[in-house]
Amino acid sequence: MLISKNAKVFKIAKEKLEADFLNLD
């Protein structure tokens, strides 16, 4: 379903943002 796909993409994007944030140090 589209909702599941969007949730998966959002989760990946969120993890990427968190990883980028941690890499700022």
PDB file of N, CA and C in Angstrom:
ATOM      1  N   MET A   1       0.828  -1.209   0.000  1.00  0.00           N
ATOM      2  CA  MET A   1       0.000   0.000   0.000  1.00  0.00           C
ATOM      3  C   MET A   1       0.861   1.258   0.000  1.00  0.00           C
ATOM      4  N   LEU A   2       0.263   2.321  -0.472  1.00  0.00           N
ATOM      5  CA  LEU A   2       0.995   3.587  -0.566  1.00  0.00           C
ATOM      6  C   LEU A   2       1.427   4.093   0.807  1.00  0.00           C
ATOM      7  N   ILE A   3       0.545   3.916   1.803  1.00  0.00           N
ATOM      8  CA  ILE A   3       0.877   4.383   3.148  1.00  0.00           C
ATOM      9  C   ILE A   3       2.112   3.655   3.677  1.00  0.00           C
ATOM     10  N   SER A   4       2.175   2.354   3.465  1.00  0.00           N
ATOM     11  CA  SER A   4       3.326   1.587   3.945  1.00  0.00           C
ATOM     12  C   SER A   4       4.600   2.046   3.247  1.00  0.00           C
ATOM     13  N   LYS A   5       4.498   2.321   1.942  1.00  0.00           N
ATOM     14  CA  LYS A   5       5.662   2.776   1.191  1.00  0.00           C
ATOM     15  C   LYS A   5       6.135   4.117   1.725  1.00  0.00           C
ATOM     16  N   ASN A   6       5.192   5.026   1.973  1.00  0.00           N
ATOM     17  CA  ASN A   6       5.556   6.341   2.493  1.00  0.00           C
ATOM     18  C   ASN A   6       6.196   6.226   3.870  1.00  0.00           C
ATOM     19  N   ALA A   7       5.668   5.334   4.702  1.00  0.00           N
ATOM     20  CA  ALA A   7       6.221   5.150   6.039  1.00  0.00           C
ATOM     21  C   ALA A   7       7.650   4.622   5.949  1.00  0.00           C
ATOM     22  N   LYS A   8       7.884   3.719   5.000  1.00  0.00           N
ATOM     23  CA  LYS A   8       9.227   3.162   4.841  1.00  0.00           C
ATOM     24  C   LYS A   8      10.207   4.236   4.387  1.00  0.00           C
ATOM     25  N   VAL A   9       9.774   5.040   3.414  1.00  0.00           N
ATOM     26  CA  VAL A   9      10.635   6.121   2.922  1.00  0.00           C
ATOM     27  C   VAL A   9      10.915   7.125   4.030  1.00  0.00           C
ATOM     28  N   PHE A  10       9.881   7.455   4.814  1.00  0.00           N
ATOM     29  CA  PHE A  10      10.053   8.406   5.906  1.00  0.00           C
ATOM     30  C   PHE A  10      11.038   7.865   6.937  1.00  0.00           C
ATOM     31  N   LYS A  11      10.927   6.579   7.245  1.00  0.00           N
ATOM     32  CA  LYS A  11      11.812   5.959   8.227  1.00  0.00           C
ATOM     33  C   LYS A  11      13.264   6.019   7.754  1.00  0.00           C
ATOM     34  N   ILE A  12      13.475   5.713   6.468  1.00  0.00           N
ATOM     35  CA  ILE A  12      14.828   5.753   5.920  1.00  0.00           C
ATOM     36  C   ILE A  12      15.374   7.180   5.966  1.00  0.00           C
ATOM     37  N   ALA A  13      14.534   8.128   5.584  1.00  0.00           N
ATOM     38  CA  ALA A  13      14.968   9.534   5.581  1.00  0.00           C
ATOM     39  C   ALA A  13      15.291   9.994   7.001  1.00  0.00           C
ATOM     40  N   LYS A  14      14.476   9.593   7.965  1.00  0.00           N
ATOM     41  CA  LYS A  14      14.698   9.979   9.356  1.00  0.00           C
ATOM     42  C   LYS A  14      16.023   9.408   9.857  1.00  0.00           C
ATOM     43  N   GLU A  15      16.279   8.134   9.532  1.00  0.00           N
ATOM     44  CA  GLU A  15      17.536   7.519   9.965  1.00  0.00           C
ATOM     45  C   GLU A  15      18.724   8.215   9.321  1.00  0.00           C
ATOM     46  N   LYS A  16      18.573   8.606   8.038  1.00  0.00           N
ATOM     47  CA  LYS A  16      19.662   9.296   7.353  1.00  0.00           C
ATOM     48  C   LYS A  16      19.931  10.644   8.012  1.00  0.00           C
ATOM     49  N   LEU A  17      18.867  11.366   8.330  1.00  0.00           N
ATOM     50  CA  LEU A  17      19.031  12.669   8.975  1.00  0.00           C
ATOM     51  C   LEU A  17      19.717  12.513  10.331  1.00  0.00           C
ATOM     52  N   GLU A  18      19.331  11.499  11.075  1.00  0.00           N
ATOM     53  CA  GLU A  18      19.948  11.272  12.382  1.00  0.00           C
ATOM     54  C   GLU A  18      21.420  10.920  12.227  1.00  0.00           C
ATOM     55  N   ALA A  19      21.740  10.127  11.229  1.00  0.00           N
ATOM     56  CA  ALA A  19      23.132   9.746  10.994  1.00  0.00           C
ATOM     57  C   ALA A  19      23.947  10.973  10.597  1.00  0.00           C
ATOM     58  N   ASP A  20      23.381  11.809   9.725  1.00  0.00           N
ATOM     59  CA  ASP A  20      24.077  13.033   9.307  1.00  0.00           C
ATOM     60  C   ASP A  20      24.313  13.937  10.512  1.00  0.00           C
ATOM     61  N   PHE A  21      23.318  14.036  11.392  1.00  0.00           N
ATOM     62  CA  PHE A  21      23.430  14.879  12.578  1.00  0.00           C
ATOM     63  C   PHE A  21      24.559  14.376  13.486  1.00  0.00           C
ATOM     64  N   LEU A  22      24.634  13.059  13.664  1.00  0.00           N
ATOM     65  CA  LEU A  22      25.679  12.494  14.518  1.00  0.00           C
ATOM     66  C   LEU A  22      27.057  12.688  13.903  1.00  0.00           C
ATOM     67  N   ASN A  23      27.116  12.742  12.569  1.00  0.00           N
ATOM     68  CA  ASN A  23      28.400  12.888  11.896  1.00  0.00           C
ATOM     69  C   ASN A  23      28.921  14.318  11.895  1.00  0.00           C
ATOM     70  N   LEU A  24      28.144  15.252  12.441  1.00  0.00           N
ATOM     71  CA  LEU A  24      28.578  16.649  12.466  1.00  0.00           C
ATOM     72  C   LEU A  24      29.717  16.866  13.467  1.00  0.00           C
ATOM     73  N   ASP A  25      29.821  15.996  14.446  1.00  0.00           N
ATOM     74  CA  ASP A  25      30.858  16.165  15.466  1.00  0.00           C
ATOM     75  C   ASP A  25      32.258  16.154  14.874  1.00  0.00           C
TER      76      ASP A  25
END
